[in-house]
Amino acid sequence: MATKSKVLLVDDSKFLRMANECVLSKAGYEVSTAADGEEALRIASEQLPDIILLDMMLPKVSGVEVLRALKKNPATANIPVIVLSSLSQVNEGKLIAEGAAAYFEKAALDLDKSSDRLTATVKAVLEQAAHKRSGASRGKYPPPRKLPPPTESRKRLATGGSRRLRNSVIARMIRTQE
């Protein structure tokens, strides 16, 4: 990693916050932490981290409310958020619809074995976000191509015209591919 990516880790559990901070720091990330929703919103708008790991069950302001506030604020709207939750993955679809980039179930956070999985998820989401930014900023994708106006035979073919015409067009297409 050339420059350290900034991670904001939001969790009310001091143990999990410290353990995940250690794992992410060892992986080369610059980690800031928050213990509640209010603190998370303040730090996010002050530091503008590259990614946020957000617990859903937080004091003061819930994780869902934090996620919504982050996505409404133009300064933080494009920061990817990975949801860390002890809730089952049944909620994953709702959270993705709210703007989460990924969902990570805390039950899967066996700190010895899943630390690689957590850092791999963070890395993948950061790469995906960088790809989106670079593609959008450089105009990587050309504008859609305008199709030429349809010929008379194409019009008849599209509207169900004669079977003989349709078969001859198909035969020509096959011959040109051979």
Protein backbone atom coordinates (compact mmCIF):
# COMPACT_ATOMS: atom_id res chain seq x y z
CA MET A 1 0.00 0.00 0.00
CA ALA A 2 1.64 3.27 -1.12
CA THR A 3 -0.39 5.56 1.13
CA LYS A 4 -2.23 4.27 4.15
CA SER A 5 -5.97 4.17 3.62
CA LYS A 6 -7.90 5.80 6.45
CA VAL A 7 -10.45 3.57 8.17
CA LEU A 8 -13.09 4.73 10.64
CA LEU A 9 -14.11 1.83 12.89
CA VAL A 10 -17.38 2.38 14.74
CA ASP A 11 -18.34 -0.11 17.45
CA ASP A 12 -19.66 0.30 20.97
CA SER A 13 -17.91 -2.86 22.15
CA LYS A 14 -14.51 -1.76 23.42
CA PHE A 15 -13.10 -5.28 23.02
CA LEU A 16 -14.17 -5.67 19.38
CA ARG A 17 -13.15 -2.11 18.58
CA MET A 18 -9.64 -2.67 19.96
CA ALA A 19 -9.28 -6.12 18.39
CA ASN A 20 -10.40 -4.95 14.93
CA GLU A 21 -8.27 -1.81 15.22
CA CYS A 22 -5.24 -4.03 15.88
CA VAL A 23 -6.04 -6.30 12.91
CA LEU A 24 -6.56 -3.36 10.54
CA SER A 25 -3.44 -1.51 11.76
CA LYS A 26 -1.33 -4.64 11.21
CA ALA A 27 -2.76 -4.83 7.68
CA GLY A 28 -1.41 -1.32 7.02
CA TYR A 29 -4.47 0.87 7.53
CA GLU A 30 -4.59 4.13 9.48
CA VAL A 31 -7.46 3.49 11.93
CA SER A 32 -9.65 5.97 13.83
CA THR A 33 -12.34 4.70 16.19
CA ALA A 34 -15.70 5.84 17.50
CA ALA A 35 -17.81 4.30 20.27
CA ASP A 36 -21.22 5.76 19.35
CA GLY A 37 -23.19 7.18 16.43
CA GLU A 38 -22.70 10.87 17.27
CA GLU A 39 -18.95 10.47 17.53
CA ALA A 40 -18.92 8.50 14.26
CA LEU A 41 -20.72 11.28 12.35
CA ARG A 42 -18.40 13.94 13.81
CA ILE A 43 -15.19 12.03 13.00
CA ALA A 44 -16.43 11.06 9.52
CA SER A 45 -17.11 14.68 8.55
CA GLU A 46 -13.86 15.94 10.10
CA GLN A 47 -11.46 13.27 8.83
CA LEU A 48 -13.24 12.04 5.67
CA PRO A 49 -11.93 8.47 5.93
CA ASP A 50 -11.53 6.24 2.86
CA ILE A 51 -13.86 3.61 4.34
CA ILE A 52 -16.11 3.19 7.40
CA LEU A 53 -16.77 -0.03 9.31
CA LEU A 54 -20.07 0.56 11.09
CA ASP A 55 -21.77 -1.43 13.84
CA MET A 56 -25.58 -1.27 13.70
CA MET A 57 -26.37 -1.41 17.42
CA LEU A 58 -24.90 1.87 18.72
CA PRO A 59 -25.75 4.20 21.60
CA LYS A 60 -27.00 7.77 20.98
CA VAL A 61 -27.55 7.40 17.21
CA SER A 62 -28.24 3.95 15.73
CA GLY A 63 -26.08 2.50 12.98
CA VAL A 64 -28.90 2.73 10.44
CA GLU A 65 -29.39 6.43 11.24
CA VAL A 66 -25.63 7.00 10.95
CA LEU A 67 -25.61 5.24 7.56
CA ARG A 68 -28.51 7.38 6.32
CA ALA A 69 -26.88 10.59 7.59
CA LEU A 70 -23.57 9.68 5.93
CA LYS A 71 -25.28 9.03 2.60
CA LYS A 72 -27.31 12.29 2.77
CA ASN A 73 -24.24 14.44 3.49
CA PRO A 74 -22.50 15.35 0.17
CA ALA A 75 -19.09 15.34 1.90
CA THR A 76 -19.46 11.74 3.11
CA ALA A 77 -21.92 10.27 0.61
CA ASN A 78 -19.24 8.53 -1.49
CA ILE A 79 -17.38 6.97 1.44
CA PRO A 80 -17.99 3.21 1.30
CA VAL A 81 -19.51 1.74 4.46
CA ILE A 82 -19.11 -1.87 5.55
CA VAL A 83 -21.79 -2.81 8.04
CA LEU A 84 -20.66 -4.90 11.02
CA SER A 85 -23.68 -6.41 12.68
CA SER A 86 -24.70 -9.12 15.09
CA LEU A 87 -28.05 -9.23 13.30
CA SER A 88 -28.58 -12.02 10.81
CA GLN A 89 -27.94 -11.51 7.10
CA VAL A 90 -31.70 -11.21 6.57
CA ASN A 91 -31.10 -7.45 6.96
CA GLU A 92 -28.29 -7.35 4.39
CA GLY A 93 -30.56 -6.39 1.48
CA LYS A 94 -32.13 -3.52 3.42
CA LEU A 95 -28.73 -2.19 4.48
CA ILE A 96 -27.33 -2.39 0.95
CA ALA A 97 -30.41 -0.47 -0.24
CA GLU A 98 -29.65 2.17 2.42
CA GLY A 99 -26.18 2.61 0.91
CA ALA A 100 -23.90 0.05 2.58
CA ALA A 101 -21.14 -1.27 0.33
CA ALA A 102 -20.90 -4.63 2.13
CA TYR A 103 -22.22 -6.56 5.12
CA PHE A 104 -20.07 -8.45 7.61
CA GLU A 105 -21.76 -10.54 10.30
CA LYS A 106 -20.05 -10.21 13.69
CA ALA A 107 -20.69 -13.88 14.40
CA ALA A 108 -18.21 -14.59 11.57
CA LEU A 109 -15.60 -12.43 13.31
CA ASP A 110 -13.61 -15.19 14.95
CA LEU A 111 -10.67 -12.88 15.49
CA ASP A 112 -8.05 -15.55 14.90
CA LYS A 113 -9.47 -16.90 11.65
CA SER A 114 -11.62 -14.11 10.23
CA SER A 115 -9.16 -11.26 10.50
CA ASP A 116 -7.97 -12.15 7.00
CA ARG A 117 -11.57 -12.18 5.81
CA LEU A 118 -12.23 -8.75 7.33
CA THR A 119 -9.10 -7.19 5.83
CA ALA A 120 -9.86 -8.84 2.47
CA THR A 121 -13.37 -7.35 2.56
CA VAL A 122 -11.97 -3.90 3.40
CA LYS A 123 -9.40 -4.17 0.61
CA ALA A 124 -11.99 -5.32 -1.94
CA VAL A 125 -14.42 -2.51 -1.08
CA LEU A 126 -11.64 0.10 -1.25
CA GLU A 127 -10.53 -1.22 -4.66
CA GLN A 128 -14.10 -1.18 -5.92
CA ALA A 129 -14.54 2.42 -4.74
CA ALA A 130 -11.24 3.47 -6.37
CA HIS A 131 -12.31 1.81 -9.62
CA LYS A 132 -15.62 3.68 -9.60
CA ARG A 133 -13.87 7.00 -8.94
CA SER A 134 -11.24 6.51 -11.64
CA GLY A 135 -13.77 5.38 -14.25
CA ALA A 136 -16.07 8.31 -13.55
CA SER A 137 -13.32 10.92 -13.32
CA ARG A 138 -11.60 10.02 -16.58
CA GLY A 139 -14.73 9.45 -18.61
CA LYS A 140 -13.51 5.90 -19.14
CA TYR A 141 -16.64 4.68 -20.81
CA PRO A 142 -17.65 6.25 -24.12
CA PRO A 143 -21.18 7.56 -24.58
CA PRO A 144 -23.68 5.06 -25.98
CA ARG A 145 -23.44 4.60 -29.73
CA LYS A 146 -26.33 5.82 -31.87
CA LEU A 147 -27.68 3.10 -34.10
CA PRO A 148 -28.20 3.85 -37.80
CA PRO A 149 -31.79 4.23 -38.94
CA PRO A 150 -33.37 0.87 -39.74
CA THR A 151 -33.56 -0.19 -43.38
CA GLU A 152 -36.85 -1.33 -44.90
CA SER A 153 -35.88 -5.01 -44.58
CA ARG A 154 -34.91 -4.53 -40.91
CA LYS A 155 -38.23 -2.80 -40.24
CA ARG A 156 -40.15 -5.72 -41.75
CA LEU A 157 -38.01 -8.20 -39.85
CA ALA A 158 -38.57 -6.39 -36.54
CA THR A 159 -42.31 -6.11 -37.04
CA GLY A 160 -42.69 -9.75 -38.01
CA GLY A 161 -42.58 -9.15 -41.83
CA SER A 162 -42.45 -12.04 -44.20
CA ARG A 163 -41.01 -15.35 -43.06
CA ARG A 164 -39.02 -15.66 -46.29
CA LEU A 165 -37.29 -12.31 -45.66
CA ARG A 166 -36.53 -13.25 -42.07
CA ASN A 167 -35.05 -16.60 -43.15
CA SER A 168 -32.91 -14.94 -45.84
CA VAL A 169 -31.54 -12.43 -43.31
CA ILE A 170 -30.71 -15.27 -40.91
CA ALA A 171 -29.03 -17.25 -43.70
CA ARG A 172 -26.91 -14.19 -44.63
CA MET A 173 -25.89 -13.74 -41.01
CA ILE A 174 -24.81 -17.38 -40.78
CA ARG A 175 -22.83 -17.17 -44.05
CA THR A 176 -20.96 -14.05 -42.90
CA GLN A 177 -19.98 -15.75 -39.64
CA GLU A 178 -18.52 -18.80 -41.43
